[in-house]
PDBML (XML) file of the C-alpha atoms, coordinates in Angstrom:
<?xml version="1.0" encoding="UTF-8" ?>
<PDBx:datablock datablockName="MODEL"
   xmlns:PDBx="http://pdbml.pdb.org/schema/pdbx-v50.xsd"
   xmlns:xsi="http://www.w3.org/2001/XMLSchema-instance"
   xsi:schemaLocation="http://pdbml.pdb.org/schema/pdbx-v50.xsd pdbx-v50.xsd">
   <PDBx:atom_siteCategory>
      <PDBx:atom_site id="1">
         <PDBx:B_iso_or_equiv>0.00</PDBx:B_iso_or_equiv>
         <PDBx:Cartn_x>-50.454</PDBx:Cartn_x>
         <PDBx:Cartn_y>6.429</PDBx:Cartn_y>
         <PDBx:Cartn_z>79.065</PDBx:Cartn_z>
         <PDBx:auth_asym_id>A</PDBx:auth_asym_id>
         <PDBx:auth_atom_id>CA</PDBx:auth_atom_id>
         <PDBx:auth_comp_id>UNK</PDBx:auth_comp_id>
         <PDBx:auth_seq_id>1</PDBx:auth_seq_id>
         <PDBx:group_PDB>ATOM</PDBx:group_PDB>
         <PDBx:label_alt_id xsi:nil="true" />
         <PDBx:label_asym_id>A</PDBx:label_asym_id>
         <PDBx:label_atom_id>CA</PDBx:label_atom_id>
         <PDBx:label_comp_id>UNK</PDBx:label_comp_id>
         <PDBx:label_entity_id>1</PDBx:label_entity_id>
         <PDBx:label_seq_id>1</PDBx:label_seq_id>
         <PDBx:occupancy>1.00</PDBx:occupancy>
         <PDBx:pdbx_PDB_model_num>1</PDBx:pdbx_PDB_model_num>
         <PDBx:type_symbol>C</PDBx:type_symbol>
      </PDBx:atom_site>
      <PDBx:atom_site id="2">
         <PDBx:B_iso_or_equiv>0.00</PDBx:B_iso_or_equiv>
         <PDBx:Cartn_x>-49.696</PDBx:Cartn_x>
         <PDBx:Cartn_y>4.306</PDBx:Cartn_y>
         <PDBx:Cartn_z>82.152</PDBx:Cartn_z>
         <PDBx:auth_asym_id>A</PDBx:auth_asym_id>
         <PDBx:auth_atom_id>CA</PDBx:auth_atom_id>
         <PDBx:auth_comp_id>UNK</PDBx:auth_comp_id>
         <PDBx:auth_seq_id>2</PDBx:auth_seq_id>
         <PDBx:group_PDB>ATOM</PDBx:group_PDB>
         <PDBx:label_alt_id xsi:nil="true" />
         <PDBx:label_asym_id>A</PDBx:label_asym_id>
         <PDBx:label_atom_id>CA</PDBx:label_atom_id>
         <PDBx:label_comp_id>UNK</PDBx:label_comp_id>
         <PDBx:label_entity_id>1</PDBx:label_entity_id>
         <PDBx:label_seq_id>2</PDBx:label_seq_id>
         <PDBx:occupancy>1.00</PDBx:occupancy>
         <PDBx:pdbx_PDB_model_num>1</PDBx:pdbx_PDB_model_num>
         <PDBx:type_symbol>C</PDBx:type_symbol>
      </PDBx:atom_site>
      <PDBx:atom_site id="3">
         <PDBx:B_iso_or_equiv>0.00</PDBx:B_iso_or_equiv>
         <PDBx:Cartn_x>-49.230</PDBx:Cartn_x>
         <PDBx:Cartn_y>7.471</PDBx:Cartn_y>
         <PDBx:Cartn_z>84.232</PDBx:Cartn_z>
         <PDBx:auth_asym_id>A</PDBx:auth_asym_id>
         <PDBx:auth_atom_id>CA</PDBx:auth_atom_id>
         <PDBx:auth_comp_id>UNK</PDBx:auth_comp_id>
         <PDBx:auth_seq_id>3</PDBx:auth_seq_id>
         <PDBx:group_PDB>ATOM</PDBx:group_PDB>
         <PDBx:label_alt_id xsi:nil="true" />
         <PDBx:label_asym_id>A</PDBx:label_asym_id>
         <PDBx:label_atom_id>CA</PDBx:label_atom_id>
         <PDBx:label_comp_id>UNK</PDBx:label_comp_id>
         <PDBx:label_entity_id>1</PDBx:label_entity_id>
         <PDBx:label_seq_id>3</PDBx:label_seq_id>
         <PDBx:occupancy>1.00</PDBx:occupancy>
         <PDBx:pdbx_PDB_model_num>1</PDBx:pdbx_PDB_model_num>
         <PDBx:type_symbol>C</PDBx:type_symbol>
      </PDBx:atom_site>
      <PDBx:atom_site id="4">
         <PDBx:B_iso_or_equiv>0.00</PDBx:B_iso_or_equiv>
         <PDBx:Cartn_x>-52.526</PDBx:Cartn_x>
         <PDBx:Cartn_y>8.788</PDBx:Cartn_y>
         <PDBx:Cartn_z>82.904</PDBx:Cartn_z>
         <PDBx:auth_asym_id>A</PDBx:auth_asym_id>
         <PDBx:auth_atom_id>CA</PDBx:auth_atom_id>
         <PDBx:auth_comp_id>UNK</PDBx:auth_comp_id>
         <PDBx:auth_seq_id>4</PDBx:auth_seq_id>
         <PDBx:group_PDB>ATOM</PDBx:group_PDB>
         <PDBx:label_alt_id xsi:nil="true" />
         <PDBx:label_asym_id>A</PDBx:label_asym_id>
         <PDBx:label_atom_id>CA</PDBx:label_atom_id>
         <PDBx:label_comp_id>UNK</PDBx:label_comp_id>
         <PDBx:label_entity_id>1</PDBx:label_entity_id>
         <PDBx:label_seq_id>4</PDBx:label_seq_id>
         <PDBx:occupancy>1.00</PDBx:occupancy>
         <PDBx:pdbx_PDB_model_num>1</PDBx:pdbx_PDB_model_num>
         <PDBx:type_symbol>C</PDBx:type_symbol>
      </PDBx:atom_site>
      <PDBx:atom_site id="5">
         <PDBx:B_iso_or_equiv>0.00</PDBx:B_iso_or_equiv>
         <PDBx:Cartn_x>-54.202</PDBx:Cartn_x>
         <PDBx:Cartn_y>5.491</PDBx:Cartn_y>
         <PDBx:Cartn_z>83.822</PDBx:Cartn_z>
         <PDBx:auth_asym_id>A</PDBx:auth_asym_id>
         <PDBx:auth_atom_id>CA</PDBx:auth_atom_id>
         <PDBx:auth_comp_id>UNK</PDBx:auth_comp_id>
         <PDBx:auth_seq_id>5</PDBx:auth_seq_id>
         <PDBx:group_PDB>ATOM</PDBx:group_PDB>
         <PDBx:label_alt_id xsi:nil="true" />
         <PDBx:label_asym_id>A</PDBx:label_asym_id>
         <PDBx:label_atom_id>CA</PDBx:label_atom_id>
         <PDBx:label_comp_id>UNK</PDBx:label_comp_id>
         <PDBx:label_entity_id>1</PDBx:label_entity_id>
         <PDBx:label_seq_id>5</PDBx:label_seq_id>
         <PDBx:occupancy>1.00</PDBx:occupancy>
         <PDBx:pdbx_PDB_model_num>1</PDBx:pdbx_PDB_model_num>
         <PDBx:type_symbol>C</PDBx:type_symbol>
      </PDBx:atom_site>
      <PDBx:atom_site id="6">
         <PDBx:B_iso_or_equiv>0.00</PDBx:B_iso_or_equiv>
         <PDBx:Cartn_x>-52.917</PDBx:Cartn_x>
         <PDBx:Cartn_y>5.776</PDBx:Cartn_y>
         <PDBx:Cartn_z>87.380</PDBx:Cartn_z>
         <PDBx:auth_asym_id>A</PDBx:auth_asym_id>
         <PDBx:auth_atom_id>CA</PDBx:auth_atom_id>
         <PDBx:auth_comp_id>UNK</PDBx:auth_comp_id>
         <PDBx:auth_seq_id>6</PDBx:auth_seq_id>
         <PDBx:group_PDB>ATOM</PDBx:group_PDB>
         <PDBx:label_alt_id xsi:nil="true" />
         <PDBx:label_asym_id>A</PDBx:label_asym_id>
         <PDBx:label_atom_id>CA</PDBx:label_atom_id>
         <PDBx:label_comp_id>UNK</PDBx:label_comp_id>
         <PDBx:label_entity_id>1</PDBx:label_entity_id>
         <PDBx:label_seq_id>6</PDBx:label_seq_id>
         <PDBx:occupancy>1.00</PDBx:occupancy>
         <PDBx:pdbx_PDB_model_num>1</PDBx:pdbx_PDB_model_num>
         <PDBx:type_symbol>C</PDBx:type_symbol>
      </PDBx:atom_site>
      <PDBx:atom_site id="7">
         <PDBx:B_iso_or_equiv>0.00</PDBx:B_iso_or_equiv>
         <PDBx:Cartn_x>-54.281</PDBx:Cartn_x>
         <PDBx:Cartn_y>9.285</PDBx:Cartn_y>
         <PDBx:Cartn_z>87.971</PDBx:Cartn_z>
         <PDBx:auth_asym_id>A</PDBx:auth_asym_id>
         <PDBx:auth_atom_id>CA</PDBx:auth_atom_id>
         <PDBx:auth_comp_id>UNK</PDBx:auth_comp_id>
         <PDBx:auth_seq_id>7</PDBx:auth_seq_id>
         <PDBx:group_PDB>ATOM</PDBx:group_PDB>
         <PDBx:label_alt_id xsi:nil="true" />
         <PDBx:label_asym_id>A</PDBx:label_asym_id>
         <PDBx:label_atom_id>CA</PDBx:label_atom_id>
         <PDBx:label_comp_id>UNK</PDBx:label_comp_id>
         <PDBx:label_entity_id>1</PDBx:label_entity_id>
         <PDBx:label_seq_id>7</PDBx:label_seq_id>
         <PDBx:occupancy>1.00</PDBx:occupancy>
         <PDBx:pdbx_PDB_model_num>1</PDBx:pdbx_PDB_model_num>
         <PDBx:type_symbol>C</PDBx:type_symbol>
      </PDBx:atom_site>
      <PDBx:atom_site id="8">
         <PDBx:B_iso_or_equiv>0.00</PDBx:B_iso_or_equiv>
         <PDBx:Cartn_x>-57.628</PDBx:Cartn_x>
         <PDBx:Cartn_y>8.948</PDBx:Cartn_y>
         <PDBx:Cartn_z>86.225</PDBx:Cartn_z>
         <PDBx:auth_asym_id>A</PDBx:auth_asym_id>
         <PDBx:auth_atom_id>CA</PDBx:auth_atom_id>
         <PDBx:auth_comp_id>UNK</PDBx:auth_comp_id>
         <PDBx:auth_seq_id>8</PDBx:auth_seq_id>
         <PDBx:group_PDB>ATOM</PDBx:group_PDB>
         <PDBx:label_alt_id xsi:nil="true" />
         <PDBx:label_asym_id>A</PDBx:label_asym_id>
         <PDBx:label_atom_id>CA</PDBx:label_atom_id>
         <PDBx:label_comp_id>UNK</PDBx:label_comp_id>
         <PDBx:label_entity_id>1</PDBx:label_entity_id>
         <PDBx:label_seq_id>8</PDBx:label_seq_id>
         <PDBx:occupancy>1.00</PDBx:occupancy>
         <PDBx:pdbx_PDB_model_num>1</PDBx:pdbx_PDB_model_num>
         <PDBx:type_symbol>C</PDBx:type_symbol>
      </PDBx:atom_site>
      <PDBx:atom_site id="9">
         <PDBx:B_iso_or_equiv>0.00</PDBx:B_iso_or_equiv>
         <PDBx:Cartn_x>-60.532</PDBx:Cartn_x>
         <PDBx:Cartn_y>8.173</PDBx:Cartn_y>
         <PDBx:Cartn_z>88.544</PDBx:Cartn_z>
         <PDBx:auth_asym_id>A</PDBx:auth_asym_id>
         <PDBx:auth_atom_id>CA</PDBx:auth_atom_id>
         <PDBx:auth_comp_id>UNK</PDBx:auth_comp_id>
         <PDBx:auth_seq_id>9</PDBx:auth_seq_id>
         <PDBx:group_PDB>ATOM</PDBx:group_PDB>
         <PDBx:label_alt_id xsi:nil="true" />
         <PDBx:label_asym_id>A</PDBx:label_asym_id>
         <PDBx:label_atom_id>CA</PDBx:label_atom_id>
         <PDBx:label_comp_id>UNK</PDBx:label_comp_id>
         <PDBx:label_entity_id>1</PDBx:label_entity_id>
         <PDBx:label_seq_id>9</PDBx:label_seq_id>
         <PDBx:occupancy>1.00</PDBx:occupancy>
         <PDBx:pdbx_PDB_model_num>1</PDBx:pdbx_PDB_model_num>
         <PDBx:type_symbol>C</PDBx:type_symbol>
      </PDBx:atom_site>
      <PDBx:atom_site id="10">
         <PDBx:B_iso_or_equiv>0.00</PDBx:B_iso_or_equiv>
         <PDBx:Cartn_x>-61.974</PDBx:Cartn_x>
         <PDBx:Cartn_y>4.684</PDBx:Cartn_y>
         <PDBx:Cartn_z>88.151</PDBx:Cartn_z>
         <PDBx:auth_asym_id>A</PDBx:auth_asym_id>
         <PDBx:auth_atom_id>CA</PDBx:auth_atom_id>
         <PDBx:auth_comp_id>UNK</PDBx:auth_comp_id>
         <PDBx:auth_seq_id>10</PDBx:auth_seq_id>
         <PDBx:group_PDB>ATOM</PDBx:group_PDB>
         <PDBx:label_alt_id xsi:nil="true" />
         <PDBx:label_asym_id>A</PDBx:label_asym_id>
         <PDBx:label_atom_id>CA</PDBx:label_atom_id>
         <PDBx:label_comp_id>UNK</PDBx:label_comp_id>
         <PDBx:label_entity_id>1</PDBx:label_entity_id>
         <PDBx:label_seq_id>10</PDBx:label_seq_id>
         <PDBx:occupancy>1.00</PDBx:occupancy>
         <PDBx:pdbx_PDB_model_num>1</PDBx:pdbx_PDB_model_num>
         <PDBx:type_symbol>C</PDBx:type_symbol>
      </PDBx:atom_site>
      <PDBx:atom_site id="11">
         <PDBx:B_iso_or_equiv>0.00</PDBx:B_iso_or_equiv>
         <PDBx:Cartn_x>-65.609</PDBx:Cartn_x>
         <PDBx:Cartn_y>4.630</PDBx:Cartn_y>
         <PDBx:Cartn_z>87.092</PDBx:Cartn_z>
         <PDBx:auth_asym_id>A</PDBx:auth_asym_id>
         <PDBx:auth_atom_id>CA</PDBx:auth_atom_id>
         <PDBx:auth_comp_id>UNK</PDBx:auth_comp_id>
         <PDBx:auth_seq_id>11</PDBx:auth_seq_id>
         <PDBx:group_PDB>ATOM</PDBx:group_PDB>
         <PDBx:label_alt_id xsi:nil="true" />
         <PDBx:label_asym_id>A</PDBx:label_asym_id>
         <PDBx:label_atom_id>CA</PDBx:label_atom_id>
         <PDBx:label_comp_id>UNK</PDBx:label_comp_id>
         <PDBx:label_entity_id>1</PDBx:label_entity_id>
         <PDBx:label_seq_id>11</PDBx:label_seq_id>
         <PDBx:occupancy>1.00</PDBx:occupancy>
         <PDBx:pdbx_PDB_model_num>1</PDBx:pdbx_PDB_model_num>
         <PDBx:type_symbol>C</PDBx:type_symbol>
      </PDBx:atom_site>
      <PDBx:atom_site id="12">
         <PDBx:B_iso_or_equiv>0.00</PDBx:B_iso_or_equiv>
         <PDBx:Cartn_x>-68.235</PDBx:Cartn_x>
         <PDBx:Cartn_y>2.019</PDBx:Cartn_y>
         <PDBx:Cartn_z>87.842</PDBx:Cartn_z>
         <PDBx:auth_asym_id>A</PDBx:auth_asym_id>
         <PDBx:auth_atom_id>CA</PDBx:auth_atom_id>
         <PDBx:auth_comp_id>UNK</PDBx:auth_comp_id>
         <PDBx:auth_seq_id>12</PDBx:auth_seq_id>
         <PDBx:group_PDB>ATOM</PDBx:group_PDB>
         <PDBx:label_alt_id xsi:nil="true" />
         <PDBx:label_asym_id>A</PDBx:label_asym_id>
         <PDBx:label_atom_id>CA</PDBx:label_atom_id>
         <PDBx:label_comp_id>UNK</PDBx:label_comp_id>
         <PDBx:label_entity_id>1</PDBx:label_entity_id>
         <PDBx:label_seq_id>12</PDBx:label_seq_id>
         <PDBx:occupancy>1.00</PDBx:occupancy>
         <PDBx:pdbx_PDB_model_num>1</PDBx:pdbx_PDB_model_num>
         <PDBx:type_symbol>C</PDBx:type_symbol>
      </PDBx:atom_site>
      <PDBx:atom_site id="13">
         <PDBx:B_iso_or_equiv>0.00</PDBx:B_iso_or_equiv>
         <PDBx:Cartn_x>-67.309</PDBx:Cartn_x>
         <PDBx:Cartn_y>0.007</PDBx:Cartn_y>
         <PDBx:Cartn_z>84.751</PDBx:Cartn_z>
         <PDBx:auth_asym_id>A</PDBx:auth_asym_id>
         <PDBx:auth_atom_id>CA</PDBx:auth_atom_id>
         <PDBx:auth_comp_id>UNK</PDBx:auth_comp_id>
         <PDBx:auth_seq_id>13</PDBx:auth_seq_id>
         <PDBx:group_PDB>ATOM</PDBx:group_PDB>
         <PDBx:label_alt_id xsi:nil="true" />
         <PDBx:label_asym_id>A</PDBx:label_asym_id>
         <PDBx:label_atom_id>CA</PDBx:label_atom_id>
         <PDBx:label_comp_id>UNK</PDBx:label_comp_id>
         <PDBx:label_entity_id>1</PDBx:label_entity_id>
         <PDBx:label_seq_id>13</PDBx:label_seq_id>
         <PDBx:occupancy>1.00</PDBx:occupancy>
         <PDBx:pdbx_PDB_model_num>1</PDBx:pdbx_PDB_model_num>
         <PDBx:type_symbol>C</PDBx:type_symbol>
      </PDBx:atom_site>
      <PDBx:atom_site id="14">
         <PDBx:B_iso_or_equiv>0.00</PDBx:B_iso_or_equiv>
         <PDBx:Cartn_x>-63.661</PDBx:Cartn_x>
         <PDBx:Cartn_y>-0.459</PDBx:Cartn_y>
         <PDBx:Cartn_z>85.647</PDBx:Cartn_z>
         <PDBx:auth_asym_id>A</PDBx:auth_asym_id>
         <PDBx:auth_atom_id>CA</PDBx:auth_atom_id>
         <PDBx:auth_comp_id>UNK</PDBx:auth_comp_id>
         <PDBx:auth_seq_id>14</PDBx:auth_seq_id>
         <PDBx:group_PDB>ATOM</PDBx:group_PDB>
         <PDBx:label_alt_id xsi:nil="true" />
         <PDBx:label_asym_id>A</PDBx:label_asym_id>
         <PDBx:label_atom_id>CA</PDBx:label_atom_id>
         <PDBx:label_comp_id>UNK</PDBx:label_comp_id>
         <PDBx:label_entity_id>1</PDBx:label_entity_id>
         <PDBx:label_seq_id>14</PDBx:label_seq_id>
         <PDBx:occupancy>1.00</PDBx:occupancy>
         <PDBx:pdbx_PDB_model_num>1</PDBx:pdbx_PDB_model_num>
         <PDBx:type_symbol>C</PDBx:type_symbol>
      </PDBx:atom_site>
      <PDBx:atom_site id="15">
         <PDBx:B_iso_or_equiv>0.00</PDBx:B_iso_or_equiv>
         <PDBx:Cartn_x>-63.041</PDBx:Cartn_x>
         <PDBx:Cartn_y>-3.390</PDBx:Cartn_y>
         <PDBx:Cartn_z>83.291</PDBx:Cartn_z>
         <PDBx:auth_asym_id>A</PDBx:auth_asym_id>
         <PDBx:auth_atom_id>CA</PDBx:auth_atom_id>
         <PDBx:auth_comp_id>UNK</PDBx:auth_comp_id>
         <PDBx:auth_seq_id>15</PDBx:auth_seq_id>
         <PDBx:group_PDB>ATOM</PDBx:group_PDB>
         <PDBx:label_alt_id xsi:nil="true" />
         <PDBx:label_asym_id>A</PDBx:label_asym_id>
         <PDBx:label_atom_id>CA</PDBx:label_atom_id>
         <PDBx:label_comp_id>UNK</PDBx:label_comp_id>
         <PDBx:label_entity_id>1</PDBx:label_entity_id>
         <PDBx:label_seq_id>15</PDBx:label_seq_id>
         <PDBx:occupancy>1.00</PDBx:occupancy>
         <PDBx:pdbx_PDB_model_num>1</PDBx:pdbx_PDB_model_num>
         <PDBx:type_symbol>C</PDBx:type_symbol>
      </PDBx:atom_site>
      <PDBx:atom_site id="16">
         <PDBx:B_iso_or_equiv>0.00</PDBx:B_iso_or_equiv>
         <PDBx:Cartn_x>-64.373</PDBx:Cartn_x>
         <PDBx:Cartn_y>-1.539</PDBx:Cartn_y>
         <PDBx:Cartn_z>80.265</PDBx:Cartn_z>
         <PDBx:auth_asym_id>A</PDBx:auth_asym_id>
         <PDBx:auth_atom_id>CA</PDBx:auth_atom_id>
         <PDBx:auth_comp_id>UNK</PDBx:auth_comp_id>
         <PDBx:auth_seq_id>16</PDBx:auth_seq_id>
         <PDBx:group_PDB>ATOM</PDBx:group_PDB>
         <PDBx:label_alt_id xsi:nil="true" />
         <PDBx:label_asym_id>A</PDBx:label_asym_id>
         <PDBx:label_atom_id>CA</PDBx:label_atom_id>
         <PDBx:label_comp_id>UNK</PDBx:label_comp_id>
         <PDBx:label_entity_id>1</PDBx:label_entity_id>
         <PDBx:label_seq_id>16</PDBx:label_seq_id>
         <PDBx:occupancy>1.00</PDBx:occupancy>
         <PDBx:pdbx_PDB_model_num>1</PDBx:pdbx_PDB_model_num>
         <PDBx:type_symbol>C</PDBx:type_symbol>
      </PDBx:atom_site>
      <PDBx:atom_site id="17">
         <PDBx:B_iso_or_equiv>0.00</PDBx:B_iso_or_equiv>
         <PDBx:Cartn_x>-62.392</PDBx:Cartn_x>
         <PDBx:Cartn_y>1.565</PDBx:Cartn_y>
         <PDBx:Cartn_z>81.199</PDBx:Cartn_z>
         <PDBx:auth_asym_id>A</PDBx:auth_asym_id>
         <PDBx:auth_atom_id>CA</PDBx:auth_atom_id>
         <PDBx:auth_comp_id>UNK</PDBx:auth_comp_id>
         <PDBx:auth_seq_id>17</PDBx:auth_seq_id>
         <PDBx:group_PDB>ATOM</PDBx:group_PDB>
         <PDBx:label_alt_id xsi:nil="true" />
         <PDBx:label_asym_id>A</PDBx:label_asym_id>
         <PDBx:label_atom_id>CA</PDBx:label_atom_id>
         <PDBx:label_comp_id>UNK</PDBx:label_comp_id>
         <PDBx:label_entity_id>1</PDBx:label_entity_id>
         <PDBx:label_seq_id>17</PDBx:label_seq_id>
         <PDBx:occupancy>1.00</PDBx:occupancy>
         <PDBx:pdbx_PDB_model_num>1</PDBx:pdbx_PDB_model_num>
         <PDBx:type_symbol>C</PDBx:type_symbol>
      </PDBx:atom_site>
      <PDBx:atom_site id="18">
         <PDBx:B_iso_or_equiv>0.00</PDBx:B_iso_or_equiv>
         <PDBx:Cartn_x>-59.290</PDBx:Cartn_x>
         <PDBx:Cartn_y>-0.602</PDBx:Cartn_y>
         <PDBx:Cartn_z>81.559</PDBx:Cartn_z>
         <PDBx:auth_asym_id>A</PDBx:auth_asym_id>
         <PDBx:auth_atom_id>CA</PDBx:auth_atom_id>
         <PDBx:auth_comp_id>UNK</PDBx:auth_comp_id>
         <PDBx:auth_seq_id>18</PDBx:auth_seq_id>
         <PDBx:group_PDB>ATOM</PDBx:group_PDB>
         <PDBx:label_alt_id xsi:nil="true" />
         <PDBx:label_asym_id>A</PDBx:label_asym_id>
         <PDBx:label_atom_id>CA</PDBx:label_atom_id>
         <PDBx:label_comp_id>UNK</PDBx:label_comp_id>
         <PDBx:label_entity_id>1</PDBx:label_entity_id>
         <PDBx:label_seq_id>18</PDBx:label_seq_id>
         <PDBx:occupancy>1.00</PDBx:occupancy>
         <PDBx:pdbx_PDB_model_num>1</PDBx:pdbx_PDB_model_num>
         <PDBx:type_symbol>C</PDBx:type_symbol>
      </PDBx:atom_site>
      <PDBx:atom_site id="19">
         <PDBx:B_iso_or_equiv>0.00</PDBx:B_iso_or_equiv>
         <PDBx:Cartn_x>-59.890</PDBx:Cartn_x>
         <PDBx:Cartn_y>-2.226</PDBx:Cartn_y>
         <PDBx:Cartn_z>78.166</PDBx:Cartn_z>
         <PDBx:auth_asym_id>A</PDBx:auth_asym_id>
         <PDBx:auth_atom_id>CA</PDBx:auth_atom_id>
         <PDBx:auth_comp_id>UNK</PDBx:auth_comp_id>
         <PDBx:auth_seq_id>19</PDBx:auth_seq_id>
         <PDBx:group_PDB>ATOM</PDBx:group_PDB>
         <PDBx:label_alt_id xsi:nil="true" />
         <PDBx:label_asym_id>A</PDBx:label_asym_id>
         <PDBx:label_atom_id>CA</PDBx:label_atom_id>
         <PDBx:label_comp_id>UNK</PDBx:label_comp_id>
         <PDBx:label_entity_id>1</PDBx:label_entity_id>
         <PDBx:label_seq_id>19</PDBx:label_seq_id>
         <PDBx:occupancy>1.00</PDBx:occupancy>
         <PDBx:pdbx_PDB_model_num>1</PDBx:pdbx_PDB_model_num>
         <PDBx:type_symbol>C</PDBx:type_symbol>
      </PDBx:atom_site>
      <PDBx:atom_site id="20">
         <PDBx:B_iso_or_equiv>0.00</PDBx:B_iso_or_equiv>
         <PDBx:Cartn_x>-60.298</PDBx:Cartn_x>
         <PDBx:Cartn_y>1.197</PDBx:Cartn_y>
         <PDBx:Cartn_z>76.551</PDBx:Cartn_z>
         <PDBx:auth_asym_id>A</PDBx:auth_asym_id>
         <PDBx:auth_atom_id>CA</PDBx:auth_atom_id>
         <PDBx:auth_comp_id>UNK</PDBx:auth_comp_id>
         <PDBx:auth_seq_id>20</PDBx:auth_seq_id>
         <PDBx:group_PDB>ATOM</PDBx:group_PDB>
         <PDBx:label_alt_id xsi:nil="true" />
         <PDBx:label_asym_id>A</PDBx:label_asym_id>
         <PDBx:label_atom_id>CA</PDBx:label_atom_id>
         <PDBx:label_comp_id>UNK</PDBx:label_comp_id>
         <PDBx:label_entity_id>1</PDBx:label_entity_id>
         <PDBx:label_seq_id>20</PDBx:label_seq_id>
         <PDBx:occupancy>1.00</PDBx:occupancy>
         <PDBx:pdbx_PDB_model_num>1</PDBx:pdbx_PDB_model_num>
         <PDBx:type_symbol>C</PDBx:type_symbol>
      </PDBx:atom_site>
      <PDBx:atom_site id="21">
         <PDBx:B_iso_or_equiv>0.00</PDBx:B_iso_or_equiv>
         <PDBx:Cartn_x>-57.091</PDBx:Cartn_x>
         <PDBx:Cartn_y>2.427</PDBx:Cartn_y>
         <PDBx:Cartn_z>78.167</PDBx:Cartn_z>
         <PDBx:auth_asym_id>A</PDBx:auth_asym_id>
         <PDBx:auth_atom_id>CA</PDBx:auth_atom_id>
         <PDBx:auth_comp_id>UNK</PDBx:auth_comp_id>
         <PDBx:auth_seq_id>21</PDBx:auth_seq_id>
         <PDBx:group_PDB>ATOM</PDBx:group_PDB>
         <PDBx:label_alt_id xsi:nil="true" />
         <PDBx:label_asym_id>A</PDBx:label_asym_id>
         <PDBx:label_atom_id>CA</PDBx:label_atom_id>
         <PDBx:label_comp_id>UNK</PDBx:label_comp_id>
         <PDBx:label_entity_id>1</PDBx:label_entity_id>
         <PDBx:label_seq_id>21</PDBx:label_seq_id>
         <PDBx:occupancy>1.00</PDBx:occupancy>
         <PDBx:pdbx_PDB_model_num>1</PDBx:pdbx_PDB_model_num>
         <PDBx:type_symbol>C</PDBx:type_symbol>
      </PDBx:atom_site>
      <PDBx:atom_site id="22">
         <PDBx:B_iso_or_equiv>0.00</PDBx:B_iso_or_equiv>
         <PDBx:Cartn_x>-55.188</PDBx:Cartn_x>
         <PDBx:Cartn_y>-0.624</PDBx:Cartn_y>
         <PDBx:Cartn_z>76.963</PDBx:Cartn_z>
         <PDBx:auth_asym_id>A</PDBx:auth_asym_id>
         <PDBx:auth_atom_id>CA</PDBx:auth_atom_id>
         <PDBx:auth_comp_id>UNK</PDBx:auth_comp_id>
         <PDBx:auth_seq_id>22</PDBx:auth_seq_id>
         <PDBx:group_PDB>ATOM</PDBx:group_PDB>
         <PDBx:label_alt_id xsi:nil="true" />
         <PDBx:label_asym_id>A</PDBx:label_asym_id>
         <PDBx:label_atom_id>CA</PDBx:label_atom_id>
         <PDBx:label_comp_id>UNK</PDBx:label_comp_id>
         <PDBx:label_entity_id>1</PDBx:label_entity_id>
         <PDBx:label_seq_id>22</PDBx:label_seq_id>
         <PDBx:occupancy>1.00</PDBx:occupancy>
         <PDBx:pdbx_PDB_model_num>1</PDBx:pdbx_PDB_model_num>
         <PDBx:type_symbol>C</PDBx:type_symbol>
      </PDBx:atom_site>
      <PDBx:atom_site id="23">
         <PDBx:B_iso_or_equiv>0.00</PDBx:B_iso_or_equiv>
         <PDBx:Cartn_x>-56.683</PDBx:Cartn_x>
         <PDBx:Cartn_y>-0.280</PDBx:Cartn_y>
         <PDBx:Cartn_z>73.473</PDBx:Cartn_z>
         <PDBx:auth_asym_id>A</PDBx:auth_asym_id>
         <PDBx:auth_atom_id>CA</PDBx:auth_atom_id>
         <PDBx:auth_comp_id>UNK</PDBx:auth_comp_id>
         <PDBx:auth_seq_id>23</PDBx:auth_seq_id>
         <PDBx:group_PDB>ATOM</PDBx:group_PDB>
         <PDBx:label_alt_id xsi:nil="true" />
         <PDBx:label_asym_id>A</PDBx:label_asym_id>
         <PDBx:label_atom_id>CA</PDBx:label_atom_id>
         <PDBx:label_comp_id>UNK</PDBx:label_comp_id>
         <PDBx:label_entity_id>1</PDBx:label_entity_id>
         <PDBx:label_seq_id>23</PDBx:label_seq_id>
         <PDBx:occupancy>1.00</PDBx:occupancy>
         <PDBx:pdbx_PDB_model_num>1</PDBx:pdbx_PDB_model_num>
         <PDBx:type_symbol>C</PDBx:type_symbol>
      </PDBx:atom_site>
      <PDBx:atom_site id="24">
         <PDBx:B_iso_or_equiv>0.00</PDBx:B_iso_or_equiv>
         <PDBx:Cartn_x>-55.693</PDBx:Cartn_x>
         <PDBx:Cartn_y>3.398</PDBx:Cartn_y>
         <PDBx:Cartn_z>73.282</PDBx:Cartn_z>
         <PDBx:auth_asym_id>A</PDBx:auth_asym_id>
         <PDBx:auth_atom_id>CA</PDBx:auth_atom_id>
         <PDBx:auth_comp_id>UNK</PDBx:auth_comp_id>
         <PDBx:auth_seq_id>24</PDBx:auth_seq_id>
         <PDBx:group_PDB>ATOM</PDBx:group_PDB>
         <PDBx:label_alt_id xsi:nil="true" />
         <PDBx:label_asym_id>A</PDBx:label_asym_id>
         <PDBx:label_atom_id>CA</PDBx:label_atom_id>
         <PDBx:label_comp_id>UNK</PDBx:label_comp_id>
         <PDBx:label_entity_id>1</PDBx:label_entity_id>
         <PDBx:label_seq_id>24</PDBx:label_seq_id>
         <PDBx:occupancy>1.00</PDBx:occupancy>
         <PDBx:pdbx_PDB_model_num>1</PDBx:pdbx_PDB_model_num>
         <PDBx:type_symbol>C</PDBx:type_symbol>
      </PDBx:atom_site>
      <PDBx:atom_site id="25">
         <PDBx:B_iso_or_equiv>0.00</PDBx:B_iso_or_equiv>
         <PDBx:Cartn_x>-52.181</PDBx:Cartn_x>
         <PDBx:Cartn_y>2.575</PDBx:Cartn_y>
         <PDBx:Cartn_z>74.489</PDBx:Cartn_z>
         <PDBx:auth_asym_id>A</PDBx:auth_asym_id>
         <PDBx:auth_atom_id>CA</PDBx:auth_atom_id>
         <PDBx:auth_comp_id>UNK</PDBx:auth_comp_id>
         <PDBx:auth_seq_id>25</PDBx:auth_seq_id>
         <PDBx:group_PDB>ATOM</PDBx:group_PDB>
         <PDBx:label_alt_id xsi:nil="true" />
         <PDBx:label_asym_id>A</PDBx:label_asym_id>
         <PDBx:label_atom_id>CA</PDBx:label_atom_id>
         <PDBx:label_comp_id>UNK</PDBx:label_comp_id>
         <PDBx:label_entity_id>1</PDBx:label_entity_id>
         <PDBx:label_seq_id>25</PDBx:label_seq_id>
         <PDBx:occupancy>1.00</PDBx:occupancy>
         <PDBx:pdbx_PDB_model_num>1</PDBx:pdbx_PDB_model_num>
         <PDBx:type_symbol>C</PDBx:type_symbol>
      </PDBx:atom_site>
   </PDBx:atom_siteCategory>
</PDBx:datablock>
């Protein structure tokens, strides 16, 4: 999941995307 987080493009709402990634992990 960390590798996926490093290759996914960051959207305008980076904090929310980061929270979702951490929640999924």
